[in-house]
Amino acid sequence: MAIPDVSHEEDVDSEVIWDQARSNDFPEEREATKTKLGLGEDASMPAEMVLLSNRIFALILRSRKWACA
């Protein structure tokens, strides 16, 4: 990951630079990991599956109640 040199720009927030660098590297690293694991292009990685729930919650605006499907 190459971080651009902005030492000459005093007003630049360093978090923005790290954010940009990381957001550019993330898709490449993810694809490399999926290839190493032998996953297809549309497949989810095992760590992503943990985040998925087997339920869907929604707020019904008209009745202002929660529903679960």
PDB file of N, CA and C in Angstrom:
ATOM      1  N   MET A   1       0.850  -1.161   0.000  1.00  0.00           N
ATOM      2  CA  MET A   1       0.000   0.000   0.000  1.00  0.00           C
ATOM      3  C   MET A   1       0.899   1.229   0.000  1.00  0.00           C
ATOM      4  N   ALA A   2       0.797   2.011  -1.028  1.00  0.00           N
ATOM      5  CA  ALA A   2       1.621   3.209  -1.149  1.00  0.00           C
ATOM      6  C   ALA A   2       0.841   4.420  -0.640  1.00  0.00           C
ATOM      7  N   ILE A   3       1.382   5.084   0.356  1.00  0.00           N
ATOM      8  CA  ILE A   3       0.765   6.281   0.915  1.00  0.00           C
ATOM      9  C   ILE A   3       1.433   7.500   0.285  1.00  0.00           C
ATOM     10  N   PRO A   4       0.636   8.388  -0.340  1.00  0.00           N
ATOM     11  CA  PRO A   4       1.247   9.559  -0.967  1.00  0.00           C
ATOM     12  C   PRO A   4       1.872  10.494   0.062  1.00  0.00           C
ATOM     13  N   ASP A   5       2.955  11.137  -0.337  1.00  0.00           N
ATOM     14  CA  ASP A   5       3.656  12.075   0.541  1.00  0.00           C
ATOM     15  C   ASP A   5       2.962  13.426   0.490  1.00  0.00           C
ATOM     16  N   VAL A   6       2.428  13.862   1.613  1.00  0.00           N
ATOM     17  CA  VAL A   6       1.756  15.159   1.683  1.00  0.00           C
ATOM     18  C   VAL A   6       2.364  16.008   2.795  1.00  0.00           C
ATOM     19  N   SER A   7       3.627  15.794   3.077  1.00  0.00           N
ATOM     20  CA  SER A   7       4.260  16.529   4.157  1.00  0.00           C
ATOM     21  C   SER A   7       4.300  18.023   3.876  1.00  0.00           C
ATOM     22  N   HIS A   8       4.226  18.399   2.615  1.00  0.00           N
ATOM     23  CA  HIS A   8       4.236  19.816   2.262  1.00  0.00           C
ATOM     24  C   HIS A   8       2.865  20.464   2.431  1.00  0.00           C
ATOM     25  N   GLU A   9       1.821  19.681   2.599  1.00  0.00           N
ATOM     26  CA  GLU A   9       0.467  20.206   2.762  1.00  0.00           C
ATOM     27  C   GLU A   9       0.070  20.084   4.236  1.00  0.00           C
ATOM     28  N   GLU A  10       0.142  21.160   4.958  1.00  0.00           N
ATOM     29  CA  GLU A  10      -0.119  21.125   6.398  1.00  0.00           C
ATOM     30  C   GLU A  10      -1.594  20.983   6.740  1.00  0.00           C
ATOM     31  N   ASP A  11      -2.484  21.454   5.877  1.00  0.00           N
ATOM     32  CA  ASP A  11      -3.906  21.448   6.195  1.00  0.00           C
ATOM     33  C   ASP A  11      -4.612  20.155   5.811  1.00  0.00           C
ATOM     34  N   VAL A  12      -3.901  19.205   5.274  1.00  0.00           N
ATOM     35  CA  VAL A  12      -4.514  17.953   4.840  1.00  0.00           C
ATOM     36  C   VAL A  12      -4.704  17.036   6.034  1.00  0.00           C
ATOM     37  N   ASP A  13      -5.902  16.511   6.159  1.00  0.00           N
ATOM     38  CA  ASP A  13      -6.188  15.564   7.228  1.00  0.00           C
ATOM     39  C   ASP A  13      -5.622  14.207   6.832  1.00  0.00           C
ATOM     40  N   SER A  14      -4.745  13.658   7.635  1.00  0.00           N
ATOM     41  CA  SER A  14      -4.089  12.397   7.281  1.00  0.00           C
ATOM     42  C   SER A  14      -5.065  11.232   7.206  1.00  0.00           C
ATOM     43  N   GLU A  15      -6.192  11.304   7.910  1.00  0.00           N
ATOM     44  CA  GLU A  15      -7.168  10.218   7.849  1.00  0.00           C
ATOM     45  C   GLU A  15      -7.763  10.075   6.459  1.00  0.00           C
ATOM     46  N   VAL A  16      -7.943  11.180   5.773  1.00  0.00           N
ATOM     47  CA  VAL A  16      -8.482  11.134   4.417  1.00  0.00           C
ATOM     48  C   VAL A  16      -7.526  10.393   3.499  1.00  0.00           C
ATOM     49  N   ILE A  17      -6.262  10.635   3.662  1.00  0.00           N
ATOM     50  CA  ILE A  17      -5.262   9.979   2.821  1.00  0.00           C
ATOM     51  C   ILE A  17      -5.248   8.477   3.091  1.00  0.00           C
ATOM     52  N   TRP A  18      -5.288   8.088   4.355  1.00  0.00           N
ATOM     53  CA  TRP A  18      -5.323   6.663   4.698  1.00  0.00           C
ATOM     54  C   TRP A  18      -6.605   6.028   4.177  1.00  0.00           C
ATOM     55  N   ASP A  19      -7.709   6.734   4.296  1.00  0.00           N
ATOM     56  CA  ASP A  19      -8.987   6.236   3.794  1.00  0.00           C
ATOM     57  C   ASP A  19      -8.920   5.975   2.295  1.00  0.00           C
ATOM     58  N   GLN A  20      -8.394   6.916   1.548  1.00  0.00           N
ATOM     59  CA  GLN A  20      -8.298   6.761   0.098  1.00  0.00           C
ATOM     60  C   GLN A  20      -7.383   5.607  -0.266  1.00  0.00           C
ATOM     61  N   ALA A  21      -6.256   5.514   0.392  1.00  0.00           N
ATOM     62  CA  ALA A  21      -5.313   4.437   0.086  1.00  0.00           C
ATOM     63  C   ALA A  21      -5.933   3.079   0.398  1.00  0.00           C
ATOM     64  N   ARG A  22      -6.604   2.978   1.532  1.00  0.00           N
ATOM     65  CA  ARG A  22      -7.212   1.701   1.924  1.00  0.00           C
ATOM     66  C   ARG A  22      -8.381   1.328   1.024  1.00  0.00           C
ATOM     67  N   SER A  23      -9.184   2.324   0.626  1.00  0.00           N
ATOM     68  CA  SER A  23     -10.328   2.021  -0.229  1.00  0.00           C
ATOM     69  C   SER A  23      -9.883   1.606  -1.621  1.00  0.00           C
ATOM     70  N   ASN A  24      -8.711   2.043  -2.045  1.00  0.00           N
ATOM     71  CA  ASN A  24      -8.191   1.611  -3.341  1.00  0.00           C
ATOM     72  C   ASN A  24      -7.619   0.201  -3.260  1.00  0.00           C
ATOM     73  N   ASP A  25      -7.046  -0.162  -2.131  1.00  0.00           N
ATOM     74  CA  ASP A  25      -6.427  -1.478  -1.974  1.00  0.00           C
ATOM     75  C   ASP A  25      -7.427  -2.580  -1.636  1.00  0.00           C
ATOM     76  N   PHE A  26      -8.527  -2.237  -0.993  1.00  0.00           N
ATOM     77  CA  PHE A  26      -9.457  -3.243  -0.490  1.00  0.00           C
ATOM     78  C   PHE A  26      -9.991  -4.175  -1.578  1.00  0.00           C
ATOM     79  N   PRO A  27     -10.513  -3.656  -2.710  1.00  0.00           N
ATOM     80  CA  PRO A  27     -11.049  -4.594  -3.718  1.00  0.00           C
ATOM     81  C   PRO A  27      -9.996  -5.558  -4.255  1.00  0.00           C
ATOM     82  N   GLU A  28      -8.773  -5.067  -4.430  1.00  0.00           N
ATOM     83  CA  GLU A  28      -7.707  -5.938  -4.936  1.00  0.00           C
ATOM     84  C   GLU A  28      -7.370  -7.039  -3.936  1.00  0.00           C
ATOM     85  N   GLU A  29      -7.273  -6.680  -2.666  1.00  0.00           N
ATOM     86  CA  GLU A  29      -6.961  -7.676  -1.635  1.00  0.00           C
ATOM     87  C   GLU A  29      -8.092  -8.685  -1.493  1.00  0.00           C
ATOM     88  N   ARG A  30      -9.318  -8.222  -1.586  1.00  0.00           N
ATOM     89  CA  ARG A  30     -10.478  -9.111  -1.455  1.00  0.00           C
ATOM     90  C   ARG A  30     -10.505 -10.130  -2.603  1.00  0.00           C
ATOM     91  N   GLU A  31     -10.272  -9.659  -3.828  1.00  0.00           N
ATOM     92  CA  GLU A  31     -10.256 -10.571  -4.969  1.00  0.00           C
ATOM     93  C   GLU A  31      -9.112 -11.574  -4.869  1.00  0.00           C
ATOM     94  N   ALA A  32      -7.956 -11.125  -4.394  1.00  0.00           N
ATOM     95  CA  ALA A  32      -6.822 -12.039  -4.232  1.00  0.00           C
ATOM     96  C   ALA A  32      -7.141 -13.115  -3.187  1.00  0.00           C
ATOM     97  N   THR A  33      -7.785 -12.727  -2.101  1.00  0.00           N
ATOM     98  CA  THR A  33      -8.159 -13.688  -1.057  1.00  0.00           C
ATOM     99  C   THR A  33      -9.188 -14.681  -1.577  1.00  0.00           C
ATOM    100  N   LYS A  34     -10.179 -14.184  -2.323  1.00  0.00           N
ATOM    101  CA  LYS A  34     -11.197 -15.072  -2.880  1.00  0.00           C
ATOM    102  C   LYS A  34     -10.578 -16.066  -3.859  1.00  0.00           C
ATOM    103  N   THR A  35      -9.620 -15.609  -4.652  1.00  0.00           N
ATOM    104  CA  THR A  35      -8.940 -16.501  -5.595  1.00  0.00           C
ATOM    105  C   THR A  35      -8.145 -17.559  -4.843  1.00  0.00           C
ATOM    106  N   LYS A  36      -7.459 -17.141  -3.767  1.00  0.00           N
ATOM    107  CA  LYS A  36      -6.665 -18.082  -2.974  1.00  0.00           C
ATOM    108  C   LYS A  36      -7.562 -19.135  -2.314  1.00  0.00           C
ATOM    109  N   LEU A  37      -8.770 -18.736  -1.905  1.00  0.00           N
ATOM    110  CA  LEU A  37      -9.704 -19.671  -1.270  1.00  0.00           C
ATOM    111  C   LEU A  37     -10.486 -20.494  -2.284  1.00  0.00           C
ATOM    112  N   GLY A  38     -10.357 -20.161  -3.566  1.00  0.00           N
ATOM    113  CA  GLY A  38     -11.071 -20.900  -4.603  1.00  0.00           C
ATOM    114  C   GLY A  38     -12.543 -20.540  -4.688  1.00  0.00           C
ATOM    115  N   LEU A  39     -12.894 -19.322  -4.308  1.00  0.00           N
ATOM    116  CA  LEU A  39     -14.283 -18.882  -4.362  1.00  0.00           C
ATOM    117  C   LEU A  39     -14.568 -18.222  -5.704  1.00  0.00           C
ATOM    118  N   GLY A  40     -15.816 -18.322  -6.148  1.00  0.00           N
ATOM    119  CA  GLY A  40     -16.214 -17.704  -7.403  1.00  0.00           C
ATOM    120  C   GLY A  40     -16.348 -16.194  -7.262  1.00  0.00           C
ATOM    121  N   GLU A  41     -16.627 -15.545  -8.389  1.00  0.00           N
ATOM    122  CA  GLU A  41     -16.701 -14.084  -8.409  1.00  0.00           C
ATOM    123  C   GLU A  41     -17.835 -13.551  -7.530  1.00  0.00           C
ATOM    124  N   ASP A  42     -18.982 -14.228  -7.527  1.00  0.00           N
ATOM    125  CA  ASP A  42     -20.143 -13.757  -6.762  1.00  0.00           C
ATOM    126  C   ASP A  42     -20.256 -14.383  -5.376  1.00  0.00           C
ATOM    127  N   ALA A  43     -19.334 -15.238  -5.014  1.00  0.00           N
ATOM    128  CA  ALA A  43     -19.406 -15.925  -3.723  1.00  0.00           C
ATOM    129  C   ALA A  43     -19.023 -14.992  -2.581  1.00  0.00           C
ATOM    130  N   SER A  44     -19.610 -15.237  -1.430  1.00  0.00           N
ATOM    131  CA  SER A  44     -19.265 -14.467  -0.234  1.00  0.00           C
ATOM    132  C   SER A  44     -18.130 -15.164   0.496  1.00  0.00           C
ATOM    133  N   MET A  45     -17.295 -14.374   1.124  1.00  0.00           N
ATOM    134  CA  MET A  45     -16.200 -14.937   1.903  1.00  0.00           C
ATOM    135  C   MET A  45     -16.754 -15.424   3.244  1.00  0.00           C
ATOM    136  N   PRO A  46     -16.107 -16.402   3.881  1.00  0.00           N
ATOM    137  CA  PRO A  46     -16.615 -16.950   5.145  1.00  0.00           C
ATOM    138  C   PRO A  46     -16.822 -15.882   6.224  1.00  0.00           C
ATOM    139  N   ALA A  47     -15.947 -14.914   6.323  1.00  0.00           N
ATOM    140  CA  ALA A  47     -16.097 -13.861   7.339  1.00  0.00           C
ATOM    141  C   ALA A  47     -17.329 -13.002   7.069  1.00  0.00           C
ATOM    142  N   GLU A  48     -17.698 -12.857   5.808  1.00  0.00           N
ATOM    143  CA  GLU A  48     -18.882 -12.074   5.470  1.00  0.00           C
ATOM    144  C   GLU A  48     -20.166 -12.820   5.823  1.00  0.00           C
ATOM    145  N   MET A  49     -20.128 -14.121   5.770  1.00  0.00           N
ATOM    146  CA  MET A  49     -21.318 -14.917   6.068  1.00  0.00           C
ATOM    147  C   MET A  49     -21.727 -14.792   7.521  1.00  0.00           C
ATOM    148  N   VAL A  50     -20.792 -14.534   8.404  1.00  0.00           N
ATOM    149  CA  VAL A  50     -21.097 -14.374   9.825  1.00  0.00           C
ATOM    150  C   VAL A  50     -22.009 -13.159  10.032  1.00  0.00           C
ATOM    151  N   LEU A  51     -21.854 -12.159   9.194  1.00  0.00           N
ATOM    152  CA  LEU A  51     -22.634 -10.932   9.340  1.00  0.00           C
ATOM    153  C   LEU A  51     -24.075 -11.069   8.859  1.00  0.00           C
ATOM    154  N   LEU A  52     -24.350 -12.086   8.050  1.00  0.00           N
ATOM    155  CA  LEU A  52     -25.696 -12.250   7.501  1.00  0.00           C
ATOM    156  C   LEU A  52     -26.615 -12.921   8.514  1.00  0.00           C
ATOM    157  N   SER A  53     -27.791 -12.384   8.627  1.00  0.00           N
ATOM    158  CA  SER A  53     -28.780 -12.947   9.538  1.00  0.00           C
ATOM    159  C   SER A  53     -29.749 -13.817   8.748  1.00  0.00           C
ATOM    160  N   ASN A  54     -30.414 -14.748   9.417  1.00  0.00           N
ATOM    161  CA  ASN A  54     -31.416 -15.557   8.737  1.00  0.00           C
ATOM    162  C   ASN A  54     -32.792 -14.902   8.806  1.00  0.00           C
ATOM    163  N   ARG A  55     -32.862 -13.683   9.305  1.00  0.00           N
ATOM    164  CA  ARG A  55     -34.119 -12.934   9.393  1.00  0.00           C
ATOM    165  C   ARG A  55     -33.946 -11.564   8.757  1.00  0.00           C
ATOM    166  N   ILE A  56     -35.067 -11.009   8.327  1.00  0.00           N
ATOM    167  CA  ILE A  56     -35.081  -9.650   7.802  1.00  0.00           C
ATOM    168  C   ILE A  56     -36.064  -8.844   8.638  1.00  0.00           C
ATOM    169  N   PHE A  57     -35.591  -7.732   9.181  1.00  0.00           N
ATOM    170  CA  PHE A  57     -36.442  -6.855   9.968  1.00  0.00           C
ATOM    171  C   PHE A  57     -36.762  -5.619   9.146  1.00  0.00           C
ATOM    172  N   ALA A  58     -37.995  -5.149   9.250  1.00  0.00           N
ATOM    173  CA  ALA A  58     -38.401  -3.962   8.512  1.00  0.00           C
ATOM    174  C   ALA A  58     -39.393  -3.162   9.347  1.00  0.00           C
ATOM    175  N   LEU A  59     -39.329  -1.868   9.217  1.00  0.00           N
ATOM    176  CA  LEU A  59     -40.276  -0.980   9.878  1.00  0.00           C
ATOM    177  C   LEU A  59     -41.382  -0.657   8.886  1.00  0.00           C
ATOM    178  N   ILE A  60     -42.604  -0.978   9.260  1.00  0.00           N
ATOM    179  CA  ILE A  60     -43.752  -0.677   8.409  1.00  0.00           C
ATOM    180  C   ILE A  60     -44.179   0.745   8.737  1.00  0.00           C
ATOM    181  N   LEU A  61     -44.018   1.623   7.770  1.00  0.00           N
ATOM    182  CA  LEU A  61     -44.226   3.045   8.022  1.00  0.00           C
ATOM    183  C   LEU A  61     -45.669   3.389   8.356  1.00  0.00           C
ATOM    184  N   ARG A  62     -46.602   2.777   7.687  1.00  0.00           N
ATOM    185  CA  ARG A  62     -48.005   3.124   7.891  1.00  0.00           C
ATOM    186  C   ARG A  62     -48.465   2.813   9.321  1.00  0.00           C
ATOM    187  N   SER A  63     -48.106   1.635   9.826  1.00  0.00           N
ATOM    188  CA  SER A  63     -48.526   1.249  11.175  1.00  0.00           C
ATOM    189  C   SER A  63     -47.454   1.556  12.229  1.00  0.00           C
ATOM    190  N   ARG A  64     -46.268   1.928  11.784  1.00  0.00           N
ATOM    191  CA  ARG A  64     -45.141   2.229  12.674  1.00  0.00           C
ATOM    192  C   ARG A  64     -44.806   1.054  13.584  1.00  0.00           C
ATOM    193  N   LYS A  65     -44.848  -0.140  13.021  1.00  0.00           N
ATOM    194  CA  LYS A  65     -44.514  -1.356  13.755  1.00  0.00           C
ATOM    195  C   LYS A  65     -43.409  -2.088  13.011  1.00  0.00           C
ATOM    196  N   TRP A  66     -42.694  -2.906  13.779  1.00  0.00           N
ATOM    197  CA  TRP A  66     -41.639  -3.708  13.194  1.00  0.00           C
ATOM    198  C   TRP A  66     -42.187  -5.042  12.725  1.00  0.00           C
ATOM    199  N   ALA A  67     -41.665  -5.533  11.609  1.00  0.00           N
ATOM    200  CA  ALA A  67     -42.060  -6.837  11.089  1.00  0.00           C
ATOM    201  C   ALA A  67     -40.796  -7.661  10.890  1.00  0.00           C
ATOM    202  N   CYS A  68     -40.950  -8.963  10.994  1.00  0.00           N
ATOM    203  CA  CYS A  68     -39.827  -9.876  10.811  1.00  0.00           C
ATOM    204  C   CYS A  68     -40.227 -10.933   9.794  1.00  0.00           C
ATOM    205  N   ALA A  69     -39.388 -11.122   8.798  1.00  0.00           N
ATOM    206  CA  ALA A  69     -39.686 -12.130   7.782  1.00  0.00           C
ATOM    207  C   ALA A  69     -38.580 -13.159   7.768  1.00  0.00           C
TER     208      ALA A  69
END
